[in-house]
Structure formats: C-alpha cells, structure tokens
Amino acid sequence: MNAGQQHLLDLYRAAQRGEAAPPAPGTHTVRTAREIQQWHHFRAVVTAPADRLPSRIRRAVRSATAALLRRETDATGARDGAPARVTS
C-alpha cells in the first residue's frame, strides 16, 4: 500500500467516525525539514566546542597515536641509544 492509498483509507475511516480528515501526504514536509535544520543550528550553538564531533575525533586520534607510540617505545626498548623507560 502506498502513501496515497493509505491516505484514502485514513480519509474513509475519519469520515466514518466523524473525525477531522488527516493532512495529505507531504503537506508538512517542508516545515518538518525546516524544524530539523533549526534544531541542528540550535545544537551547534549550545554544544560546547570540546564536545563537537571534530574535537572528539581529533582527541581520539591523538590518544590512539600516543598509545601506539607508547606501545612501540615499550616494545622496542630505547630509541636513539637512550635507556629504556621503566614502567611499573
């Protein structure tokens, strides 16, 4: 059943029950899209810069890189002739 057929069925049921007719499909699409866009703009203003997606990605990449470098340093011992780091 497509949206047009469902709408006709809903019109029939509303008429049988004496209720108001439902809006046609697509009637509020533009308004809904506008409200979603406004919500995203609002969230962008309210969200702290450190909590935004680019900052979170940047933080994750830095911590992963640091962890990999620590693991590599610990596994290979010392770099450039310096004594190996002792971890407890």
PDB file of N, CA and C in Angstrom:
ATOM      1  N   MET A   1       0.851  -1.162   0.000  1.00  0.00           N
ATOM      2  CA  MET A   1       0.000   0.000   0.000  1.00  0.00           C
ATOM      3  C   MET A   1       0.901   1.231   0.000  1.00  0.00           C
ATOM      4  N   ASN A   2       0.660   2.138  -0.925  1.00  0.00           N
ATOM      5  CA  ASN A   2       1.475   3.344  -0.976  1.00  0.00           C
ATOM      6  C   ASN A   2       0.847   4.456  -0.125  1.00  0.00           C
ATOM      7  N   ALA A   3       1.495   5.595  -0.082  1.00  0.00           N
ATOM      8  CA  ALA A   3       1.045   6.686   0.790  1.00  0.00           C
ATOM      9  C   ALA A   3      -0.317   7.220   0.357  1.00  0.00           C
ATOM     10  N   GLY A   4      -0.560   7.287  -0.939  1.00  0.00           N
ATOM     11  CA  GLY A   4      -1.854   7.777  -1.424  1.00  0.00           C
ATOM     12  C   GLY A   4      -3.001   6.859  -1.018  1.00  0.00           C
ATOM     13  N   GLN A   5      -2.790   5.564  -1.144  1.00  0.00           N
ATOM     14  CA  GLN A   5      -3.821   4.609  -0.743  1.00  0.00           C
ATOM     15  C   GLN A   5      -4.064   4.647   0.764  1.00  0.00           C
ATOM     16  N   GLN A   6      -3.001   4.766   1.522  1.00  0.00           N
ATOM     17  CA  GLN A   6      -3.150   4.863   2.975  1.00  0.00           C
ATOM     18  C   GLN A   6      -3.916   6.122   3.354  1.00  0.00           C
ATOM     19  N   HIS A   7      -3.643   7.214   2.644  1.00  0.00           N
ATOM     20  CA  HIS A   7      -4.347   8.464   2.920  1.00  0.00           C
ATOM     21  C   HIS A   7      -5.840   8.318   2.627  1.00  0.00           C
ATOM     22  N   LEU A   8      -6.185   7.678   1.514  1.00  0.00           N
ATOM     23  CA  LEU A   8      -7.596   7.464   1.198  1.00  0.00           C
ATOM     24  C   LEU A   8      -8.274   6.595   2.252  1.00  0.00           C
ATOM     25  N   LEU A   9      -7.584   5.577   2.726  1.00  0.00           N
ATOM     26  CA  LEU A   9      -8.132   4.732   3.780  1.00  0.00           C
ATOM     27  C   LEU A   9      -8.342   5.533   5.074  1.00  0.00           C
ATOM     28  N   ASP A  10      -7.363   6.383   5.411  1.00  0.00           N
ATOM     29  CA  ASP A  10      -7.492   7.228   6.602  1.00  0.00           C
ATOM     30  C   ASP A  10      -8.638   8.227   6.447  1.00  0.00           C
ATOM     31  N   LEU A  11      -8.819   8.770   5.233  1.00  0.00           N
ATOM     32  CA  LEU A  11      -9.953   9.673   4.979  1.00  0.00           C
ATOM     33  C   LEU A  11     -11.277   8.950   5.198  1.00  0.00           C
ATOM     34  N   TYR A  12     -11.371   7.739   4.694  1.00  0.00           N
ATOM     35  CA  TYR A  12     -12.593   6.950   4.840  1.00  0.00           C
ATOM     36  C   TYR A  12     -12.893   6.671   6.317  1.00  0.00           C
ATOM     37  N   ARG A  13     -11.874   6.246   7.056  1.00  0.00           N
ATOM     38  CA  ARG A  13     -12.065   5.959   8.478  1.00  0.00           C
ATOM     39  C   ARG A  13     -12.473   7.209   9.253  1.00  0.00           C
ATOM     40  N   ALA A  14     -11.846   8.351   8.935  1.00  0.00           N
ATOM     41  CA  ALA A  14     -12.185   9.599   9.621  1.00  0.00           C
ATOM     42  C   ALA A  14     -13.624   9.998   9.320  1.00  0.00           C
ATOM     43  N   ALA A  15     -14.055   9.806   8.078  1.00  0.00           N
ATOM     44  CA  ALA A  15     -15.426  10.145   7.713  1.00  0.00           C
ATOM     45  C   ALA A  15     -16.412   9.227   8.432  1.00  0.00           C
ATOM     46  N   GLN A  16     -16.095   7.950   8.574  1.00  0.00           N
ATOM     47  CA  GLN A  16     -16.966   7.008   9.261  1.00  0.00           C
ATOM     48  C   GLN A  16     -17.102   7.331  10.751  1.00  0.00           C
ATOM     49  N   ARG A  17     -16.025   7.834  11.321  1.00  0.00           N
ATOM     50  CA  ARG A  17     -16.017   8.120  12.757  1.00  0.00           C
ATOM     51  C   ARG A  17     -16.437   9.553  13.074  1.00  0.00           C
ATOM     52  N   GLY A  18     -16.580  10.385  12.042  1.00  0.00           N
ATOM     53  CA  GLY A  18     -16.944  11.783  12.256  1.00  0.00           C
ATOM     54  C   GLY A  18     -15.784  12.639  12.742  1.00  0.00           C
ATOM     55  N   GLU A  19     -14.562  12.228  12.448  1.00  0.00           N
ATOM     56  CA  GLU A  19     -13.368  12.962  12.869  1.00  0.00           C
ATOM     57  C   GLU A  19     -12.885  13.868  11.751  1.00  0.00           C
ATOM     58  N   ALA A  20     -11.952  14.733  12.075  1.00  0.00           N
ATOM     59  CA  ALA A  20     -11.349  15.612  11.065  1.00  0.00           C
ATOM     60  C   ALA A  20     -10.471  14.779  10.137  1.00  0.00           C
ATOM     61  N   ALA A  21     -10.412  15.195   8.895  1.00  0.00           N
ATOM     62  CA  ALA A  21      -9.607  14.480   7.905  1.00  0.00           C
ATOM     63  C   ALA A  21      -8.122  14.703   8.187  1.00  0.00           C
ATOM     64  N   PRO A  22      -7.310  13.672   8.022  1.00  0.00           N
ATOM     65  CA  PRO A  22      -5.865  13.825   8.219  1.00  0.00           C
ATOM     66  C   PRO A  22      -5.255  14.633   7.070  1.00  0.00           C
ATOM     67  N   PRO A  23      -4.115  15.275   7.297  1.00  0.00           N
ATOM     68  CA  PRO A  23      -3.471  16.032   6.221  1.00  0.00           C
ATOM     69  C   PRO A  23      -2.972  15.094   5.118  1.00  0.00           C
ATOM     70  N   ALA A  24      -2.910  15.624   3.929  1.00  0.00           N
ATOM     71  CA  ALA A  24      -2.422  14.843   2.789  1.00  0.00           C
ATOM     72  C   ALA A  24      -0.930  14.541   2.961  1.00  0.00           C
ATOM     73  N   PRO A  25      -0.455  13.453   2.370  1.00  0.00           N
ATOM     74  CA  PRO A  25       0.975  13.128   2.471  1.00  0.00           C
ATOM     75  C   PRO A  25       1.832  14.236   1.870  1.00  0.00           C
ATOM     76  N   GLY A  26       2.878  14.600   2.559  1.00  0.00           N
ATOM     77  CA  GLY A  26       3.791  15.622   2.058  1.00  0.00           C
ATOM     78  C   GLY A  26       3.393  17.035   2.411  1.00  0.00           C
ATOM     79  N   THR A  27       2.284  17.210   3.122  1.00  0.00           N
ATOM     80  CA  THR A  27       1.813  18.554   3.442  1.00  0.00           C
ATOM     81  C   THR A  27       2.799  19.284   4.348  1.00  0.00           C
ATOM     82  N   HIS A  28       3.328  18.613   5.324  1.00  0.00           N
ATOM     83  CA  HIS A  28       4.195  19.258   6.305  1.00  0.00           C
ATOM     84  C   HIS A  28       5.666  18.910   6.114  1.00  0.00           C
ATOM     85  N   THR A  29       6.041  18.434   4.961  1.00  0.00           N
ATOM     86  CA  THR A  29       7.420  18.008   4.723  1.00  0.00           C
ATOM     87  C   THR A  29       8.394  19.173   4.817  1.00  0.00           C
ATOM     88  N   VAL A  30       8.051  20.287   4.196  1.00  0.00           N
ATOM     89  CA  VAL A  30       8.950  21.442   4.195  1.00  0.00           C
ATOM     90  C   VAL A  30       9.084  22.000   5.606  1.00  0.00           C
ATOM     91  N   ARG A  31       7.967  22.085   6.319  1.00  0.00           N
ATOM     92  CA  ARG A  31       8.015  22.595   7.686  1.00  0.00           C
ATOM     93  C   ARG A  31       8.863  21.684   8.569  1.00  0.00           C
ATOM     94  N   THR A  32       8.710  20.386   8.415  1.00  0.00           N
ATOM     95  CA  THR A  32       9.477  19.439   9.212  1.00  0.00           C
ATOM     96  C   THR A  32      10.974  19.548   8.905  1.00  0.00           C
ATOM     97  N   ALA A  33      11.318  19.661   7.632  1.00  0.00           N
ATOM     98  CA  ALA A  33      12.729  19.807   7.250  1.00  0.00           C
ATOM     99  C   ALA A  33      13.306  21.091   7.837  1.00  0.00           C
ATOM    100  N   ARG A  34      12.531  22.160   7.823  1.00  0.00           N
ATOM    101  CA  ARG A  34      12.977  23.427   8.386  1.00  0.00           C
ATOM    102  C   ARG A  34      13.184  23.316   9.899  1.00  0.00           C
ATOM    103  N   GLU A  35      12.276  22.629  10.577  1.00  0.00           N
ATOM    104  CA  GLU A  35      12.415  22.451  12.021  1.00  0.00           C
ATOM    105  C   GLU A  35      13.640  21.607  12.365  1.00  0.00           C
ATOM    106  N   ILE A  36      13.922  20.586  11.576  1.00  0.00           N
ATOM    107  CA  ILE A  36      15.115  19.761  11.802  1.00  0.00           C
ATOM    108  C   ILE A  36      16.373  20.599  11.606  1.00  0.00           C
ATOM    109  N   GLN A  37      16.381  21.435  10.578  1.00  0.00           N
ATOM    110  CA  GLN A  37      17.527  22.297  10.319  1.00  0.00           C
ATOM    111  C   GLN A  37      17.720  23.290  11.471  1.00  0.00           C
ATOM    112  N   GLN A  38      16.627  23.872  11.962  1.00  0.00           N
ATOM    113  CA  GLN A  38      16.726  24.792  13.090  1.00  0.00           C
ATOM    114  C   GLN A  38      17.252  24.077  14.333  1.00  0.00           C
ATOM    115  N   TRP A  39      16.838  22.830  14.538  1.00  0.00           N
ATOM    116  CA  TRP A  39      17.320  22.065  15.688  1.00  0.00           C
ATOM    117  C   TRP A  39      18.825  21.842  15.599  1.00  0.00           C
ATOM    118  N   HIS A  40      19.314  21.518  14.407  1.00  0.00           N
ATOM    119  CA  HIS A  40      20.755  21.308  14.245  1.00  0.00           C
ATOM    120  C   HIS A  40      21.522  22.612  14.468  1.00  0.00           C
ATOM    121  N   HIS A  41      20.994  23.724  14.003  1.00  0.00           N
ATOM    122  CA  HIS A  41      21.638  25.020  14.244  1.00  0.00           C
ATOM    123  C   HIS A  41      21.651  25.330  15.745  1.00  0.00           C
ATOM    124  N   PHE A  42      20.561  25.065  16.425  1.00  0.00           N
ATOM    125  CA  PHE A  42      20.481  25.283  17.865  1.00  0.00           C
ATOM    126  C   PHE A  42      21.505  24.432  18.608  1.00  0.00           C
ATOM    127  N   ARG A  43      21.588  23.148  18.252  1.00  0.00           N
ATOM    128  CA  ARG A  43      22.544  22.256  18.911  1.00  0.00           C
ATOM    129  C   ARG A  43      23.977  22.717  18.665  1.00  0.00           C
ATOM    130  N   ALA A  44      24.248  23.262  17.470  1.00  0.00           N
ATOM    131  CA  ALA A  44      25.596  23.739  17.165  1.00  0.00           C
ATOM    132  C   ALA A  44      25.966  24.927  18.042  1.00  0.00           C
ATOM    133  N   VAL A  45      24.993  25.766  18.364  1.00  0.00           N
ATOM    134  CA  VAL A  45      25.259  26.941  19.193  1.00  0.00           C
ATOM    135  C   VAL A  45      25.401  26.546  20.658  1.00  0.00           C
ATOM    136  N   VAL A  46      24.570  25.628  21.119  1.00  0.00           N
ATOM    137  CA  VAL A  46      24.530  25.272  22.532  1.00  0.00           C
ATOM    138  C   VAL A  46      25.658  24.331  22.932  1.00  0.00           C
ATOM    139  N   THR A  47      26.089  23.468  22.040  1.00  0.00           N
ATOM    140  CA  THR A  47      27.103  22.462  22.356  1.00  0.00           C
ATOM    141  C   THR A  47      28.460  23.123  22.574  1.00  0.00           C
ATOM    142  N   ALA A  48      29.137  22.715  23.611  1.00  0.00           N
ATOM    143  CA  ALA A  48      30.473  23.237  23.902  1.00  0.00           C
ATOM    144  C   ALA A  48      31.436  22.812  22.791  1.00  0.00           C
ATOM    145  N   PRO A  49      32.396  23.676  22.458  1.00  0.00           N
ATOM    146  CA  PRO A  49      33.325  23.338  21.372  1.00  0.00           C
ATOM    147  C   PRO A  49      34.072  22.025  21.592  1.00  0.00           C
ATOM    148  N   ALA A  50      34.383  21.686  22.822  1.00  0.00           N
ATOM    149  CA  ALA A  50      35.120  20.449  23.087  1.00  0.00           C
ATOM    150  C   ALA A  50      34.256  19.211  22.865  1.00  0.00           C
ATOM    151  N   ASP A  51      32.944  19.365  22.882  1.00  0.00           N
ATOM    152  CA  ASP A  51      32.053  18.219  22.711  1.00  0.00           C
ATOM    153  C   ASP A  51      31.600  18.022  21.271  1.00  0.00           C
ATOM    154  N   ARG A  52      31.988  18.896  20.383  1.00  0.00           N
ATOM    155  CA  ARG A  52      31.577  18.765  18.981  1.00  0.00           C
ATOM    156  C   ARG A  52      32.345  17.637  18.309  1.00  0.00           C
ATOM    157  N   LEU A  53      31.779  17.108  17.249  1.00  0.00           N
ATOM    158  CA  LEU A  53      32.338  15.927  16.597  1.00  0.00           C
ATOM    159  C   LEU A  53      33.790  16.100  16.148  1.00  0.00           C
ATOM    160  N   PRO A  54      34.179  17.189  15.459  1.00  0.00           N
ATOM    161  CA  PRO A  54      35.587  17.296  15.044  1.00  0.00           C
ATOM    162  C   PRO A  54      36.555  17.252  16.221  1.00  0.00           C
ATOM    163  N   SER A  55      36.168  17.877  17.333  1.00  0.00           N
ATOM    164  CA  SER A  55      37.043  17.852  18.506  1.00  0.00           C
ATOM    165  C   SER A  55      37.143  16.454  19.089  1.00  0.00           C
ATOM    166  N   ARG A  56      36.028  15.744  19.121  1.00  0.00           N
ATOM    167  CA  ARG A  56      36.052  14.379  19.653  1.00  0.00           C
ATOM    168  C   ARG A  56      36.902  13.476  18.772  1.00  0.00           C
ATOM    169  N   ILE A  57      36.798  13.642  17.469  1.00  0.00           N
ATOM    170  CA  ILE A  57      37.606  12.826  16.546  1.00  0.00           C
ATOM    171  C   ILE A  57      39.083  13.151  16.728  1.00  0.00           C
ATOM    172  N   ARG A  58      39.399  14.446  16.801  1.00  0.00           N
ATOM    173  CA  ARG A  58      40.781  14.866  16.978  1.00  0.00           C
ATOM    174  C   ARG A  58      41.363  14.286  18.271  1.00  0.00           C
ATOM    175  N   ARG A  59      40.593  14.338  19.362  1.00  0.00           N
ATOM    176  CA  ARG A  59      41.034  13.787  20.639  1.00  0.00           C
ATOM    177  C   ARG A  59      41.274  12.291  20.541  1.00  0.00           C
ATOM    178  N   ALA A  60      40.370  11.574  19.869  1.00  0.00           N
ATOM    179  CA  ALA A  60      40.506  10.124  19.741  1.00  0.00           C
ATOM    180  C   ALA A  60      41.749   9.766  18.930  1.00  0.00           C
ATOM    181  N   VAL A  61      42.011  10.512  17.869  1.00  0.00           N
ATOM    182  CA  VAL A  61      43.190  10.240  17.040  1.00  0.00           C
ATOM    183  C   VAL A  61      44.461  10.504  17.838  1.00  0.00           C
ATOM    184  N   ARG A  62      44.479  11.600  18.596  1.00  0.00           N
ATOM    185  CA  ARG A  62      45.662  11.904  19.399  1.00  0.00           C
ATOM    186  C   ARG A  62      45.922  10.832  20.448  1.00  0.00           C
ATOM    187  N   SER A  63      44.869  10.399  21.139  1.00  0.00           N
ATOM    188  CA  SER A  63      45.083   9.392  22.184  1.00  0.00           C
ATOM    189  C   SER A  63      45.491   8.053  21.581  1.00  0.00           C
ATOM    190  N   ALA A  64      44.922   7.697  20.424  1.00  0.00           N
ATOM    191  CA  ALA A  64      45.303   6.442  19.769  1.00  0.00           C
ATOM    192  C   ALA A  64      46.750   6.508  19.295  1.00  0.00           C
ATOM    193  N   THR A  65      47.152   7.648  18.761  1.00  0.00           N
ATOM    194  CA  THR A  65      48.527   7.812  18.304  1.00  0.00           C
ATOM    195  C   THR A  65      49.489   7.732  19.480  1.00  0.00           C
ATOM    196  N   ALA A  66      49.137   8.390  20.564  1.00  0.00           N
ATOM    197  CA  ALA A  66      50.002   8.358  21.749  1.00  0.00           C
ATOM    198  C   ALA A  66      50.110   6.936  22.292  1.00  0.00           C
ATOM    199  N   ALA A  67      49.005   6.199  22.309  1.00  0.00           N
ATOM    200  CA  ALA A  67      49.036   4.825  22.802  1.00  0.00           C
ATOM    201  C   ALA A  67      49.907   3.944  21.909  1.00  0.00           C
ATOM    202  N   LEU A  68      49.798   4.131  20.605  1.00  0.00           N
ATOM    203  CA  LEU A  68      50.629   3.347  19.685  1.00  0.00           C
ATOM    204  C   LEU A  68      52.106   3.679  19.857  1.00  0.00           C
ATOM    205  N   LEU A  69      52.411   4.949  20.023  1.00  0.00           N
ATOM    206  CA  LEU A  69      53.817   5.329  20.220  1.00  0.00           C
ATOM    207  C   LEU A  69      54.351   4.781  21.534  1.00  0.00           C
ATOM    208  N   ARG A  70      53.535   4.808  22.592  1.00  0.00           N
ATOM    209  CA  ARG A  70      53.971   4.235  23.867  1.00  0.00           C
ATOM    210  C   ARG A  70      54.222   2.736  23.726  1.00  0.00           C
ATOM    211  N   ARG A  71      53.324   2.055  23.041  1.00  0.00           N
ATOM    212  CA  ARG A  71      53.468   0.611  22.866  1.00  0.00           C
ATOM    213  C   ARG A  71      54.722   0.297  22.056  1.00  0.00           C
ATOM    214  N   GLU A  72      54.960   1.093  21.004  1.00  0.00           N
ATOM    215  CA  GLU A  72      56.133   0.865  20.163  1.00  0.00           C
ATOM    216  C   GLU A  72      57.410   1.122  20.958  1.00  0.00           C
ATOM    217  N   THR A  73      57.426   2.176  21.758  1.00  0.00           N
ATOM    218  CA  THR A  73      58.602   2.505  22.562  1.00  0.00           C
ATOM    219  C   THR A  73      58.859   1.434  23.606  1.00  0.00           C
ATOM    220  N   ASP A  74      57.802   0.964  24.250  1.00  0.00           N
ATOM    221  CA  ASP A  74      57.964  -0.079  25.257  1.00  0.00           C
ATOM    222  C   ASP A  74      58.407  -1.402  24.639  1.00  0.00           C
ATOM    223  N   ALA A  75      57.950  -1.705  23.448  1.00  0.00           N
ATOM    224  CA  ALA A  75      58.277  -2.981  22.813  1.00  0.00           C
ATOM    225  C   ALA A  75      59.702  -2.996  22.278  1.00  0.00           C
ATOM    226  N   THR A  76      60.163  -1.877  21.761  1.00  0.00           N
ATOM    227  CA  THR A  76      61.494  -1.849  21.155  1.00  0.00           C
ATOM    228  C   THR A  76      62.571  -1.438  22.125  1.00  0.00           C
ATOM    229  N   GLY A  77      62.166  -1.052  23.318  1.00  0.00           N
ATOM    230  CA  GLY A  77      63.176  -0.621  24.288  1.00  0.00           C
ATOM    231  C   GLY A  77      63.475   0.848  24.094  1.00  0.00           C
ATOM    232  N   ALA A  78      64.732   1.175  24.023  1.00  0.00           N
ATOM    233  CA  ALA A  78      65.135   2.576  23.921  1.00  0.00           C
ATOM    234  C   ALA A  78      65.219   3.001  22.468  1.00  0.00           C
ATOM    235  N   ARG A  79      65.042   4.281  22.251  1.00  0.00           N
ATOM    236  CA  ARG A  79      65.230   4.862  20.919  1.00  0.00           C
ATOM    237  C   ARG A  79      66.478   5.731  20.955  1.00  0.00           C
ATOM    238  N   ASP A  80      67.209   5.726  19.919  1.00  0.00           N
ATOM    239  CA  ASP A  80      68.384   6.571  19.758  1.00  0.00           C
ATOM    240  C   ASP A  80      69.414   6.418  20.872  1.00  0.00           C
ATOM    241  N   GLY A  81      69.558   5.206  21.385  1.00  0.00           N
ATOM    242  CA  GLY A  81      70.574   4.950  22.385  1.00  0.00           C
ATOM    243  C   GLY A  81      70.212   5.389  23.788  1.00  0.00           C
ATOM    244  N   ALA A  82      69.053   5.941  24.002  1.00  0.00           N
ATOM    245  CA  ALA A  82      68.646   6.358  25.339  1.00  0.00           C
ATOM    246  C   ALA A  82      68.194   5.117  26.108  1.00  0.00           C
ATOM    247  N   PRO A  83      68.307   5.144  27.425  1.00  0.00           N
ATOM    248  CA  PRO A  83      67.882   3.970  28.217  1.00  0.00           C
ATOM    249  C   PRO A  83      66.388   3.746  28.091  1.00  0.00           C
ATOM    250  N   ALA A  84      65.985   2.501  28.202  1.00  0.00           N
ATOM    251  CA  ALA A  84      64.572   2.137  28.075  1.00  0.00           C
ATOM    252  C   ALA A  84      63.789   2.682  29.254  1.00  0.00           C
ATOM    253  N   ARG A  85      62.557   3.045  28.986  1.00  0.00           N
ATOM    254  CA  ARG A  85      61.696   3.600  30.043  1.00  0.00           C
ATOM    255  C   ARG A  85      61.197   2.463  30.912  1.00  0.00           C
ATOM    256  N   VAL A  86      61.244   2.657  32.209  1.00  0.00           N
ATOM    257  CA  VAL A  86      60.777   1.646  33.146  1.00  0.00           C
ATOM    258  C   VAL A  86      59.360   2.004  33.549  1.00  0.00           C
ATOM    259  N   THR A  87      58.444   1.047  33.370  1.00  0.00           N
ATOM    260  CA  THR A  87      57.058   1.289  33.757  1.00  0.00           C
ATOM    261  C   THR A  87      56.724   0.365  34.911  1.00  0.00           C
ATOM    262  N   SER A  88      55.883   0.845  35.794  1.00  0.00           N
ATOM    263  CA  SER A  88      55.513  -0.004  36.923  1.00  0.00           C
ATOM    264  C   SER A  88      54.058  -0.311  36.925  1.00  0.00           C
TER     265      SER A  88
END
